[in-house]
Amino acid sequence: MHTVLSREGYAVTTCGSAREALEALEMAPADLIITDLCMPELSGLDVVRALREAVDGTPILVSSAIYIPSMREETLNAGASDALGKPFTYWELLDSVSALLRGASSRSVVSCQ
């Protein structure tokens, strides 16, 4: 994901945990946050809720290999802006990121995978 987005001109910061993502966002706000539902330390939904509370208004894109329609609804209700089931295509990723960043002043992304 990092390679695809970087190649398309996005400034991507990669984090290995929700804690790292929150620390990175304190240092420099991002225009978009991408996170997986399966994360160490917290459940994916807890990650979305924590990010939503910390960076209210910043779009959050969630991806997960364990993905069913009810999970999408639960994820969006927790505060995610969009969700992609894995595997997703290059174009699905770019379409979602582009839509979520429409009107953003820059193209900075924090990816928590």
PDB file of N, CA and C in Angstrom:
ATOM      1  N   MET A   1       0.825  -1.186   0.000  1.00  0.00           N
ATOM      2  CA  MET A   1       0.000   0.000   0.000  1.00  0.00           C
ATOM      3  C   MET A   1       0.873   1.255   0.000  1.00  0.00           C
ATOM      4  N   HIS A   2       1.907   1.244   0.836  1.00  0.00           N
ATOM      5  CA  HIS A   2       2.807   2.387   0.921  1.00  0.00           C
ATOM      6  C   HIS A   2       3.424   2.690  -0.442  1.00  0.00           C
ATOM      7  N   THR A   3       3.895   1.656  -1.128  1.00  0.00           N
ATOM      8  CA  THR A   3       4.536   1.831  -2.428  1.00  0.00           C
ATOM      9  C   THR A   3       3.570   2.401  -3.456  1.00  0.00           C
ATOM     10  N   VAL A   4       2.363   1.860  -3.493  1.00  0.00           N
ATOM     11  CA  VAL A   4       1.347   2.325  -4.453  1.00  0.00           C
ATOM     12  C   VAL A   4       1.047   3.801  -4.218  1.00  0.00           C
ATOM     13  N   LEU A   5       0.781   4.168  -2.982  1.00  0.00           N
ATOM     14  CA  LEU A   5       0.420   5.555  -2.685  1.00  0.00           C
ATOM     15  C   LEU A   5       1.596   6.506  -2.898  1.00  0.00           C
ATOM     16  N   SER A   6       2.792   6.082  -2.515  1.00  0.00           N
ATOM     17  CA  SER A   6       3.974   6.929  -2.722  1.00  0.00           C
ATOM     18  C   SER A   6       4.203   7.170  -4.206  1.00  0.00           C
ATOM     19  N   ARG A   7       4.049   6.125  -4.999  1.00  0.00           N
ATOM     20  CA  ARG A   7       4.225   6.244  -6.447  1.00  0.00           C
ATOM     21  C   ARG A   7       3.230   7.234  -7.055  1.00  0.00           C
ATOM     22  N   GLU A   8       2.069   7.365  -6.421  1.00  0.00           N
ATOM     23  CA  GLU A   8       1.033   8.281  -6.904  1.00  0.00           C
ATOM     24  C   GLU A   8       1.177   9.693  -6.324  1.00  0.00           C
ATOM     25  N   GLY A   9       2.255   9.940  -5.576  1.00  0.00           N
ATOM     26  CA  GLY A   9       2.527  11.285  -5.079  1.00  0.00           C
ATOM     27  C   GLY A   9       2.030  11.584  -3.679  1.00  0.00           C
ATOM     28  N   TYR A  10       1.579  10.563  -2.954  1.00  0.00           N
ATOM     29  CA  TYR A  10       1.140  10.774  -1.578  1.00  0.00           C
ATOM     30  C   TYR A  10       2.337  10.684  -0.641  1.00  0.00           C
ATOM     31  N   ALA A  11       2.351  11.509   0.390  1.00  0.00           N
ATOM     32  CA  ALA A  11       3.376  11.448   1.432  1.00  0.00           C
ATOM     33  C   ALA A  11       2.857  10.499   2.498  1.00  0.00           C
ATOM     34  N   VAL A  12       3.440   9.307   2.594  1.00  0.00           N
ATOM     35  CA  VAL A  12       2.920   8.254   3.460  1.00  0.00           C
ATOM     36  C   VAL A  12       3.837   8.021   4.654  1.00  0.00           C
ATOM     37  N   THR A  13       3.255   8.040   5.838  1.00  0.00           N
ATOM     38  CA  THR A  13       3.947   7.662   7.062  1.00  0.00           C
ATOM     39  C   THR A  13       3.371   6.327   7.487  1.00  0.00           C
ATOM     40  N   THR A  14       4.223   5.312   7.645  1.00  0.00           N
ATOM     41  CA  THR A  14       3.762   3.976   8.011  1.00  0.00           C
ATOM     42  C   THR A  14       3.996   3.743   9.494  1.00  0.00           C
ATOM     43  N   CYS A  15       2.983   3.206  10.173  1.00  0.00           N
ATOM     44  CA  CYS A  15       3.055   2.917  11.604  1.00  0.00           C
ATOM     45  C   CYS A  15       2.690   1.453  11.830  1.00  0.00           C
ATOM     46  N   GLY A  16       3.278   0.849  12.849  1.00  0.00           N
ATOM     47  CA  GLY A  16       3.023  -0.555  13.140  1.00  0.00           C
ATOM     48  C   GLY A  16       1.970  -0.802  14.195  1.00  0.00           C
ATOM     49  N   SER A  17       1.473   0.271  14.819  1.00  0.00           N
ATOM     50  CA  SER A  17       0.456   0.102  15.854  1.00  0.00           C
ATOM     51  C   SER A  17      -0.377   1.376  15.963  1.00  0.00           C
ATOM     52  N   ALA A  18      -1.492   1.257  16.646  1.00  0.00           N
ATOM     53  CA  ALA A  18      -2.349   2.426  16.862  1.00  0.00           C
ATOM     54  C   ALA A  18      -1.611   3.482  17.670  1.00  0.00           C
ATOM     55  N   ARG A  19      -0.835   3.049  18.636  1.00  0.00           N
ATOM     56  CA  ARG A  19      -0.066   3.979  19.471  1.00  0.00           C
ATOM     57  C   ARG A  19       0.914   4.787  18.613  1.00  0.00           C
ATOM     58  N   GLU A  20       1.619   4.110  17.702  1.00  0.00           N
ATOM     59  CA  GLU A  20       2.545   4.802  16.806  1.00  0.00           C
ATOM     60  C   GLU A  20       1.806   5.795  15.911  1.00  0.00           C
ATOM     61  N   ALA A  21       0.636   5.393  15.430  1.00  0.00           N
ATOM     62  CA  ALA A  21      -0.154   6.281  14.566  1.00  0.00           C
ATOM     63  C   ALA A  21      -0.577   7.528  15.327  1.00  0.00           C
ATOM     64  N   LEU A  22      -1.050   7.365  16.548  1.00  0.00           N
ATOM     65  CA  LEU A  22      -1.471   8.519  17.349  1.00  0.00           C
ATOM     66  C   LEU A  22      -0.290   9.449  17.625  1.00  0.00           C
ATOM     67  N   GLU A  23       0.879   8.868  17.904  1.00  0.00           N
ATOM     68  CA  GLU A  23       2.075   9.687  18.126  1.00  0.00           C
ATOM     69  C   GLU A  23       2.466  10.441  16.853  1.00  0.00           C
ATOM     70  N   ALA A  24       2.405   9.759  15.711  1.00  0.00           N
ATOM     71  CA  ALA A  24       2.737  10.405  14.437  1.00  0.00           C
ATOM     72  C   ALA A  24       1.770  11.540  14.143  1.00  0.00           C
ATOM     73  N   LEU A  25       0.509  11.339  14.449  1.00  0.00           N
ATOM     74  CA  LEU A  25      -0.506  12.364  14.186  1.00  0.00           C
ATOM     75  C   LEU A  25      -0.369  13.562  15.122  1.00  0.00           C
ATOM     76  N   GLU A  26       0.166  13.337  16.325  1.00  0.00           N
ATOM     77  CA  GLU A  26       0.433  14.454  17.230  1.00  0.00           C
ATOM     78  C   GLU A  26       1.560  15.322  16.680  1.00  0.00           C
ATOM     79  N   MET A  27       2.528  14.682  16.046  1.00  0.00           N
ATOM     80  CA  MET A  27       3.682  15.404  15.493  1.00  0.00           C
ATOM     81  C   MET A  27       3.307  16.171  14.223  1.00  0.00           C
ATOM     82  N   ALA A  28       2.505  15.550  13.379  1.00  0.00           N
ATOM     83  CA  ALA A  28       2.120  16.173  12.105  1.00  0.00           C
ATOM     84  C   ALA A  28       0.765  15.622  11.679  1.00  0.00           C
ATOM     85  N   PRO A  29      -0.245  16.472  11.629  1.00  0.00           N
ATOM     86  CA  PRO A  29      -1.563  16.005  11.198  1.00  0.00           C
ATOM     87  C   PRO A  29      -1.507  15.444   9.776  1.00  0.00           C
ATOM     88  N   ALA A  30      -2.404  14.520   9.486  1.00  0.00           N
ATOM     89  CA  ALA A  30      -2.485  13.918   8.154  1.00  0.00           C
ATOM     90  C   ALA A  30      -3.840  14.247   7.539  1.00  0.00           C
ATOM     91  N   ASP A  31      -3.908  14.131   6.230  1.00  0.00           N
ATOM     92  CA  ASP A  31      -5.166  14.351   5.522  1.00  0.00           C
ATOM     93  C   ASP A  31      -6.014  13.089   5.477  1.00  0.00           C
ATOM     94  N   LEU A  32      -5.385  11.933   5.695  1.00  0.00           N
ATOM     95  CA  LEU A  32      -6.082  10.649   5.649  1.00  0.00           C
ATOM     96  C   LEU A  32      -5.358   9.656   6.537  1.00  0.00           C
ATOM     97  N   ILE A  33      -6.133   8.807   7.202  1.00  0.00           N
ATOM     98  CA  ILE A  33      -5.578   7.721   8.002  1.00  0.00           C
ATOM     99  C   ILE A  33      -6.097   6.418   7.413  1.00  0.00           C
ATOM    100  N   ILE A  34      -5.187   5.480   7.195  1.00  0.00           N
ATOM    101  CA  ILE A  34      -5.567   4.152   6.725  1.00  0.00           C
ATOM    102  C   ILE A  34      -5.156   3.166   7.801  1.00  0.00           C
ATOM    103  N   THR A  35      -6.089   2.306   8.214  1.00  0.00           N
ATOM    104  CA  THR A  35      -5.773   1.320   9.237  1.00  0.00           C
ATOM    105  C   THR A  35      -6.399  -0.019   8.902  1.00  0.00           C
ATOM    106  N   ASP A  36      -5.778  -1.060   9.405  1.00  0.00           N
ATOM    107  CA  ASP A  36      -6.311  -2.406   9.274  1.00  0.00           C
ATOM    108  C   ASP A  36      -7.214  -2.669  10.479  1.00  0.00           C
ATOM    109  N   LEU A  37      -8.159  -3.580  10.336  1.00  0.00           N
ATOM    110  CA  LEU A  37      -8.990  -3.932  11.485  1.00  0.00           C
ATOM    111  C   LEU A  37      -8.247  -4.836  12.465  1.00  0.00           C
ATOM    112  N   CYS A  38      -7.313  -5.632  11.979  1.00  0.00           N
ATOM    113  CA  CYS A  38      -6.545  -6.524  12.850  1.00  0.00           C
ATOM    114  C   CYS A  38      -5.234  -5.839  13.209  1.00  0.00           C
ATOM    115  N   MET A  39      -5.194  -5.268  14.406  1.00  0.00           N
ATOM    116  CA  MET A  39      -4.022  -4.521  14.865  1.00  0.00           C
ATOM    117  C   MET A  39      -3.585  -5.049  16.228  1.00  0.00           C
ATOM    118  N   PRO A  40      -2.273  -4.950  16.514  1.00  0.00           N
ATOM    119  CA  PRO A  40      -1.816  -5.317  17.858  1.00  0.00           C
ATOM    120  C   PRO A  40      -2.310  -4.286  18.875  1.00  0.00           C
ATOM    121  N   GLU A  41      -2.440  -4.697  20.099  1.00  0.00           N
ATOM    122  CA  GLU A  41      -2.801  -3.839  21.232  1.00  0.00           C
ATOM    123  C   GLU A  41      -4.298  -3.568  21.342  1.00  0.00           C
ATOM    124  N   LEU A  42      -4.947  -3.148  20.270  1.00  0.00           N
ATOM    125  CA  LEU A  42      -6.370  -2.812  20.297  1.00  0.00           C
ATOM    126  C   LEU A  42      -7.085  -3.547  19.177  1.00  0.00           C
ATOM    127  N   SER A  43      -8.404  -3.744  19.338  1.00  0.00           N
ATOM    128  CA  SER A  43      -9.163  -4.282  18.218  1.00  0.00           C
ATOM    129  C   SER A  43      -9.245  -3.207  17.140  1.00  0.00           C
ATOM    130  N   GLY A  44      -9.529  -3.605  15.922  1.00  0.00           N
ATOM    131  CA  GLY A  44      -9.634  -2.653  14.830  1.00  0.00           C
ATOM    132  C   GLY A  44     -10.681  -1.589  15.089  1.00  0.00           C
ATOM    133  N   LEU A  45     -11.812  -1.983  15.670  1.00  0.00           N
ATOM    134  CA  LEU A  45     -12.859  -1.000  15.968  1.00  0.00           C
ATOM    135  C   LEU A  45     -12.403  -0.033  17.048  1.00  0.00           C
ATOM    136  N   ASP A  46     -11.646  -0.529  18.032  1.00  0.00           N
ATOM    137  CA  ASP A  46     -11.104   0.365  19.059  1.00  0.00           C
ATOM    138  C   ASP A  46     -10.111   1.352  18.452  1.00  0.00           C
ATOM    139  N   VAL A  47      -9.337   0.876  17.462  1.00  0.00           N
ATOM    140  CA  VAL A  47      -8.397   1.757  16.772  1.00  0.00           C
ATOM    141  C   VAL A  47      -9.171   2.880  16.076  1.00  0.00           C
ATOM    142  N   VAL A  48     -10.237   2.520  15.365  1.00  0.00           N
ATOM    143  CA  VAL A  48     -11.045   3.527  14.664  1.00  0.00           C
ATOM    144  C   VAL A  48     -11.624   4.526  15.661  1.00  0.00           C
ATOM    145  N   ARG A  49     -12.169   4.028  16.762  1.00  0.00           N
ATOM    146  CA  ARG A  49     -12.754   4.931  17.768  1.00  0.00           C
ATOM    147  C   ARG A  49     -11.693   5.860  18.365  1.00  0.00           C
ATOM    148  N   ALA A  50     -10.512   5.320  18.671  1.00  0.00           N
ATOM    149  CA  ALA A  50      -9.441   6.137  19.254  1.00  0.00           C
ATOM    150  C   ALA A  50      -8.969   7.184  18.253  1.00  0.00           C
ATOM    151  N   LEU A  51      -8.811   6.783  16.995  1.00  0.00           N
ATOM    152  CA  LEU A  51      -8.392   7.733  15.976  1.00  0.00           C
ATOM    153  C   LEU A  51      -9.455   8.800  15.753  1.00  0.00           C
ATOM    154  N   ARG A  52     -10.698   8.391  15.728  1.00  0.00           N
ATOM    155  CA  ARG A  52     -11.790   9.346  15.503  1.00  0.00           C
ATOM    156  C   ARG A  52     -11.819  10.380  16.625  1.00  0.00           C
ATOM    157  N   GLU A  53     -11.604   9.925  17.843  1.00  0.00           N
ATOM    158  CA  GLU A  53     -11.596  10.837  18.986  1.00  0.00           C
ATOM    159  C   GLU A  53     -10.397  11.785  18.928  1.00  0.00           C
ATOM    160  N   ALA A  54      -9.239  11.263  18.515  1.00  0.00           N
ATOM    161  CA  ALA A  54      -8.010  12.056  18.492  1.00  0.00           C
ATOM    162  C   ALA A  54      -7.952  13.017  17.314  1.00  0.00           C
ATOM    163  N   VAL A  55      -8.503  12.634  16.194  1.00  0.00           N
ATOM    164  CA  VAL A  55      -8.394  13.444  14.976  1.00  0.00           C
ATOM    165  C   VAL A  55      -9.761  13.601  14.321  1.00  0.00           C
ATOM    166  N   ASP A  56     -10.691  14.122  15.057  1.00  0.00           N
ATOM    167  CA  ASP A  56     -12.048  14.298  14.566  1.00  0.00           C
ATOM    168  C   ASP A  56     -12.039  15.075  13.254  1.00  0.00           C
ATOM    169  N   GLY A  57     -12.697  14.529  12.261  1.00  0.00           N
ATOM    170  CA  GLY A  57     -12.792  15.192  10.968  1.00  0.00           C
ATOM    171  C   GLY A  57     -11.841  14.655   9.922  1.00  0.00           C
ATOM    172  N   THR A  58     -10.755  14.005  10.344  1.00  0.00           N
ATOM    173  CA  THR A  58      -9.828  13.415   9.379  1.00  0.00           C
ATOM    174  C   THR A  58     -10.429  12.102   8.877  1.00  0.00           C
ATOM    175  N   PRO A  59     -10.523  11.917   7.568  1.00  0.00           N
ATOM    176  CA  PRO A  59     -11.087  10.669   7.057  1.00  0.00           C
ATOM    177  C   PRO A  59     -10.251   9.459   7.466  1.00  0.00           C
ATOM    178  N   ILE A  60     -10.942   8.358   7.749  1.00  0.00           N
ATOM    179  CA  ILE A  60     -10.291   7.101   8.116  1.00  0.00           C
ATOM    180  C   ILE A  60     -10.768   6.024   7.149  1.00  0.00           C
ATOM    181  N   LEU A  61      -9.817   5.391   6.473  1.00  0.00           N
ATOM    182  CA  LEU A  61     -10.095   4.276   5.580  1.00  0.00           C
ATOM    183  C   LEU A  61      -9.653   3.003   6.281  1.00  0.00           C
ATOM    184  N   VAL A  62     -10.548   2.033   6.381  1.00  0.00           N
ATOM    185  CA  VAL A  62     -10.255   0.773   7.055  1.00  0.00           C
ATOM    186  C   VAL A  62     -10.154  -0.331   6.017  1.00  0.00           C
ATOM    187  N   SER A  63      -9.166  -1.205   6.184  1.00  0.00           N
ATOM    188  CA  SER A  63      -9.058  -2.379   5.324  1.00  0.00           C
ATOM    189  C   SER A  63      -8.967  -3.614   6.198  1.00  0.00           C
ATOM    190  N   SER A  64      -9.462  -4.731   5.685  1.00  0.00           N
ATOM    191  CA  SER A  64      -9.396  -5.963   6.451  1.00  0.00           C
ATOM    192  C   SER A  64      -9.579  -7.173   5.554  1.00  0.00           C
ATOM    193  N   ALA A  65      -8.829  -8.226   5.855  1.00  0.00           N
ATOM    194  CA  ALA A  65      -8.986  -9.494   5.146  1.00  0.00           C
ATOM    195  C   ALA A  65     -10.204 -10.237   5.684  1.00  0.00           C
ATOM    196  N   ILE A  66     -10.550  -9.977   6.925  1.00  0.00           N
ATOM    197  CA  ILE A  66     -11.733 -10.583   7.543  1.00  0.00           C
ATOM    198  C   ILE A  66     -12.846  -9.566   7.384  1.00  0.00           C
ATOM    199  N   TYR A  67     -13.604  -9.710   6.321  1.00  0.00           N
ATOM    200  CA  TYR A  67     -14.533  -8.641   5.982  1.00  0.00           C
ATOM    201  C   TYR A  67     -15.868  -9.182   5.506  1.00  0.00           C
ATOM    202  N   ILE A  68     -16.909  -8.848   6.235  1.00  0.00           N
ATOM    203  CA  ILE A  68     -18.279  -9.222   5.864  1.00  0.00           C
ATOM    204  C   ILE A  68     -19.118  -7.951   5.910  1.00  0.00           C
ATOM    205  N   PRO A  69     -20.261  -7.938   5.224  1.00  0.00           N
ATOM    206  CA  PRO A  69     -21.071  -6.707   5.179  1.00  0.00           C
ATOM    207  C   PRO A  69     -21.405  -6.116   6.548  1.00  0.00           C
ATOM    208  N   SER A  70     -21.708  -6.942   7.534  1.00  0.00           N
ATOM    209  CA  SER A  70     -22.032  -6.394   8.857  1.00  0.00           C
ATOM    210  C   SER A  70     -20.814  -5.710   9.484  1.00  0.00           C
ATOM    211  N   MET A  71     -19.616  -6.211   9.173  1.00  0.00           N
ATOM    212  CA  MET A  71     -18.390  -5.589   9.688  1.00  0.00           C
ATOM    213  C   MET A  71     -18.219  -4.202   9.076  1.00  0.00           C
ATOM    214  N   ARG A  72     -18.552  -4.049   7.789  1.00  0.00           N
ATOM    215  CA  ARG A  72     -18.462  -2.738   7.140  1.00  0.00           C
ATOM    216  C   ARG A  72     -19.366  -1.750   7.859  1.00  0.00           C
ATOM    217  N   GLU A  73     -20.585  -2.156   8.137  1.00  0.00           N
ATOM    218  CA  GLU A  73     -21.536  -1.275   8.821  1.00  0.00           C
ATOM    219  C   GLU A  73     -21.031  -0.903  10.217  1.00  0.00           C
ATOM    220  N   GLU A  74     -20.533  -1.882  10.942  1.00  0.00           N
ATOM    221  CA  GLU A  74     -20.018  -1.633  12.291  1.00  0.00           C
ATOM    222  C   GLU A  74     -18.815  -0.690  12.247  1.00  0.00           C
ATOM    223  N   THR A  75     -17.964  -0.881  11.254  1.00  0.00           N
ATOM    224  CA  THR A  75     -16.774  -0.036  11.085  1.00  0.00           C
ATOM    225  C   THR A  75     -17.175   1.407  10.791  1.00  0.00           C
ATOM    226  N   LEU A  76     -18.128   1.585   9.889  1.00  0.00           N
ATOM    227  CA  LEU A  76     -18.585   2.935   9.556  1.00  0.00           C
ATOM    228  C   LEU A  76     -19.284   3.580  10.754  1.00  0.00           C
ATOM    229  N   ASN A  77     -20.049   2.806  11.509  1.00  0.00           N
ATOM    230  CA  ASN A  77     -20.701   3.338  12.710  1.00  0.00           C
ATOM    231  C   ASN A  77     -19.689   3.747  13.781  1.00  0.00           C
ATOM    232  N   ALA A  78     -18.521   3.098  13.796  1.00  0.00           N
ATOM    233  CA  ALA A  78     -17.479   3.434  14.775  1.00  0.00           C
ATOM    234  C   ALA A  78     -16.742   4.721  14.402  1.00  0.00           C
ATOM    235  N   GLY A  79     -16.937   5.188  13.152  1.00  0.00           N
ATOM    236  CA  GLY A  79     -16.302   6.449  12.766  1.00  0.00           C
ATOM    237  C   GLY A  79     -15.447   6.396  11.523  1.00  0.00           C
ATOM    238  N   ALA A  80     -15.341   5.227  10.894  1.00  0.00           N
ATOM    239  CA  ALA A  80     -14.565   5.144   9.652  1.00  0.00           C
ATOM    240  C   ALA A  80     -15.317   5.864   8.539  1.00  0.00           C
ATOM    241  N   SER A  81     -14.564   6.382   7.593  1.00  0.00           N
ATOM    242  CA  SER A  81     -15.153   7.086   6.451  1.00  0.00           C
ATOM    243  C   SER A  81     -15.431   6.150   5.289  1.00  0.00           C
ATOM    244  N   ASP A  82     -14.638   5.091   5.170  1.00  0.00           N
ATOM    245  CA  ASP A  82     -14.804   4.104   4.106  1.00  0.00           C
ATOM    246  C   ASP A  82     -14.111   2.833   4.547  1.00  0.00           C
ATOM    247  N   ALA A  83     -14.425   1.724   3.880  1.00  0.00           N
ATOM    248  CA  ALA A  83     -13.820   0.444   4.212  1.00  0.00           C
ATOM    249  C   ALA A  83     -13.608  -0.369   2.947  1.00  0.00           C
ATOM    250  N   LEU A  84     -12.484  -1.068   2.891  1.00  0.00           N
ATOM    251  CA  LEU A  84     -12.151  -1.935   1.769  1.00  0.00           C
ATOM    252  C   LEU A  84     -11.845  -3.333   2.285  1.00  0.00           C
ATOM    253  N   GLY A  85     -12.433  -4.332   1.646  1.00  0.00           N
ATOM    254  CA  GLY A  85     -12.098  -5.711   1.961  1.00  0.00           C
ATOM    255  C   GLY A  85     -10.870  -6.136   1.189  1.00  0.00           C
ATOM    256  N   LYS A  86      -9.986  -6.874   1.840  1.00  0.00           N
ATOM    257  CA  LYS A  86      -8.792  -7.389   1.169  1.00  0.00           C
ATOM    258  C   LYS A  86      -9.129  -8.730   0.528  1.00  0.00           C
ATOM    259  N   PRO A  87      -8.567  -9.040  -0.592  1.00  0.00           N
ATOM    260  CA  PRO A  87      -7.653  -8.202  -1.350  1.00  0.00           C
ATOM    261  C   PRO A  87      -8.437  -7.157  -2.147  1.00  0.00           C
ATOM    262  N   PHE A  88      -7.863  -5.993  -2.243  1.00  0.00           N
ATOM    263  CA  PHE A  88      -8.466  -4.956  -3.075  1.00  0.00           C
ATOM    264  C   PHE A  88      -7.484  -4.628  -4.196  1.00  0.00           C
ATOM    265  N   THR A  89      -8.020  -4.061  -5.251  1.00  0.00           N
ATOM    266  CA  THR A  89      -7.159  -3.750  -6.392  1.00  0.00           C
ATOM    267  C   THR A  89      -6.486  -2.399  -6.191  1.00  0.00           C
ATOM    268  N   TYR A  90      -5.464  -2.189  -6.982  1.00  0.00           N
ATOM    269  CA  TYR A  90      -4.766  -0.912  -7.040  1.00  0.00           C
ATOM    270  C   TYR A  90      -5.772   0.211  -7.261  1.00  0.00           C
ATOM    271  N   TRP A  91      -6.689  -0.010  -8.200  1.00  0.00           N
ATOM    272  CA  TRP A  91      -7.661   1.032  -8.561  1.00  0.00           C
ATOM    273  C   TRP A  91      -8.690   1.258  -7.468  1.00  0.00           C
ATOM    274  N   GLU A  92      -9.110   0.206  -6.775  1.00  0.00           N
ATOM    275  CA  GLU A  92     -10.058   0.378  -5.663  1.00  0.00           C
ATOM    276  C   GLU A  92      -9.428   1.237  -4.569  1.00  0.00           C
ATOM    277  N   LEU A  93      -8.162   0.969  -4.264  1.00  0.00           N
ATOM    278  CA  LEU A  93      -7.455   1.761  -3.258  1.00  0.00           C
ATOM    279  C   LEU A  93      -7.366   3.219  -3.687  1.00  0.00           C
ATOM    280  N   LEU A  94      -6.893   3.449  -4.911  1.00  0.00           N
ATOM    281  CA  LEU A  94      -6.741   4.828  -5.381  1.00  0.00           C
ATOM    282  C   LEU A  94      -8.072   5.554  -5.478  1.00  0.00           C
ATOM    283  N   ASP A  95      -9.132   4.880  -5.891  1.00  0.00           N
ATOM    284  CA  ASP A  95     -10.454   5.509  -5.966  1.00  0.00           C
ATOM    285  C   ASP A  95     -10.926   5.951  -4.579  1.00  0.00           C
ATOM    286  N   SER A  96     -10.768   5.076  -3.595  1.00  0.00           N
ATOM    287  CA  SER A  96     -11.203   5.408  -2.239  1.00  0.00           C
ATOM    288  C   SER A  96     -10.372   6.549  -1.659  1.00  0.00           C
ATOM    289  N   VAL A  97      -9.050   6.461  -1.788  1.00  0.00           N
ATOM    290  CA  VAL A  97      -8.163   7.503  -1.254  1.00  0.00           C
ATOM    291  C   VAL A  97      -8.455   8.840  -1.930  1.00  0.00           C
ATOM    292  N   SER A  98      -8.603   8.822  -3.234  1.00  0.00           N
ATOM    293  CA  SER A  98      -8.889  10.049  -3.979  1.00  0.00           C
ATOM    294  C   SER A  98     -10.207  10.680  -3.528  1.00  0.00           C
ATOM    295  N   ALA A  99     -11.237   9.861  -3.363  1.00  0.00           N
ATOM    296  CA  ALA A  99     -12.533  10.377  -2.936  1.00  0.00           C
ATOM    297  C   ALA A  99     -12.452  10.966  -1.526  1.00  0.00           C
ATOM    298  N   LEU A 100     -11.734  10.292  -0.629  1.00  0.00           N
ATOM    299  CA  LEU A 100     -11.633  10.769   0.749  1.00  0.00           C
ATOM    300  C   LEU A 100     -10.783  12.028   0.869  1.00  0.00           C
ATOM    301  N   LEU A 101      -9.844  12.221  -0.058  1.00  0.00           N
ATOM    302  CA  LEU A 101      -8.972  13.389  -0.002  1.00  0.00           C
ATOM    303  C   LEU A 101      -9.430  14.533  -0.894  1.00  0.00           C
ATOM    304  N   ARG A 102     -10.557  14.371  -1.537  1.00  0.00           N
ATOM    305  CA  ARG A 102     -11.061  15.432  -2.410  1.00  0.00           C
ATOM    306  C   ARG A 102     -11.153  16.735  -1.620  1.00  0.00           C
ATOM    307  N   GLY A 103     -10.488  17.760  -2.095  1.00  0.00           N
ATOM    308  CA  GLY A 103     -10.509  19.060  -1.444  1.00  0.00           C
ATOM    309  C   GLY A 103      -9.465  19.239  -0.354  1.00  0.00           C
ATOM    310  N   ALA A 104      -8.662  18.198  -0.082  1.00  0.00           N
ATOM    311  CA  ALA A 104      -7.623  18.321   0.957  1.00  0.00           C
ATOM    312  C   ALA A 104      -6.508  19.233   0.468  1.00  0.00           C
ATOM    313  N   SER A 105      -5.893  19.921   1.417  1.00  0.00           N
ATOM    314  CA  SER A 105      -4.826  20.869   1.067  1.00  0.00           C
ATOM    315  C   SER A 105      -3.534  20.173   0.661  1.00  0.00           C
ATOM    316  N   SER A 106      -3.299  18.984   1.167  1.00  0.00           N
ATOM    317  CA  SER A 106      -2.090  18.239   0.795  1.00  0.00           C
ATOM    318  C   SER A 106      -2.474  16.785   0.580  1.00  0.00           C
ATOM    319  N   ARG A 107      -1.494  15.940   0.488  1.00  0.00           N
ATOM    320  CA  ARG A 107      -1.754  14.522   0.214  1.00  0.00           C
ATOM    321  C   ARG A 107      -0.998  13.656   1.218  1.00  0.00           C
ATOM    322  N   SER A 108      -1.134  13.998   2.513  1.00  0.00           N
ATOM    323  CA  SER A 108      -0.419  13.244   3.545  1.00  0.00           C
ATOM    324  C   SER A 108      -1.299  12.141   4.112  1.00  0.00           C
ATOM    325  N   VAL A 109      -0.708  10.971   4.234  1.00  0.00           N
ATOM    326  CA  VAL A 109      -1.420   9.772   4.676  1.00  0.00           C
ATOM    327  C   VAL A 109      -0.640   9.112   5.802  1.00  0.00           C
ATOM    328  N   VAL A 110      -1.337   8.709   6.866  1.00  0.00           N
ATOM    329  CA  VAL A 110      -0.746   7.869   7.899  1.00  0.00           C
ATOM    330  C   VAL A 110      -1.358   6.492   7.722  1.00  0.00           C
ATOM    331  N   SER A 111      -0.508   5.489   7.512  1.00  0.00           N
ATOM    332  CA  SER A 111      -0.957   4.125   7.300  1.00  0.00           C
ATOM    333  C   SER A 111      -0.576   3.280   8.500  1.00  0.00           C
ATOM    334  N   CYS A 112      -1.560   2.708   9.132  1.00  0.00           N
ATOM    335  CA  CYS A 112      -1.381   1.901  10.342  1.00  0.00           C
ATOM    336  C   CYS A 112      -1.769   0.466   9.979  1.00  0.00           C
ATOM    337  N   GLN A 113      -0.777  -0.349   9.682  1.00  0.00           N
ATOM    338  CA  GLN A 113      -1.064  -1.700   9.175  1.00  0.00           C
ATOM    339  C   GLN A 113      -0.465  -2.755  10.064  1.00  0.00           C
TER     340      GLN A 113
END
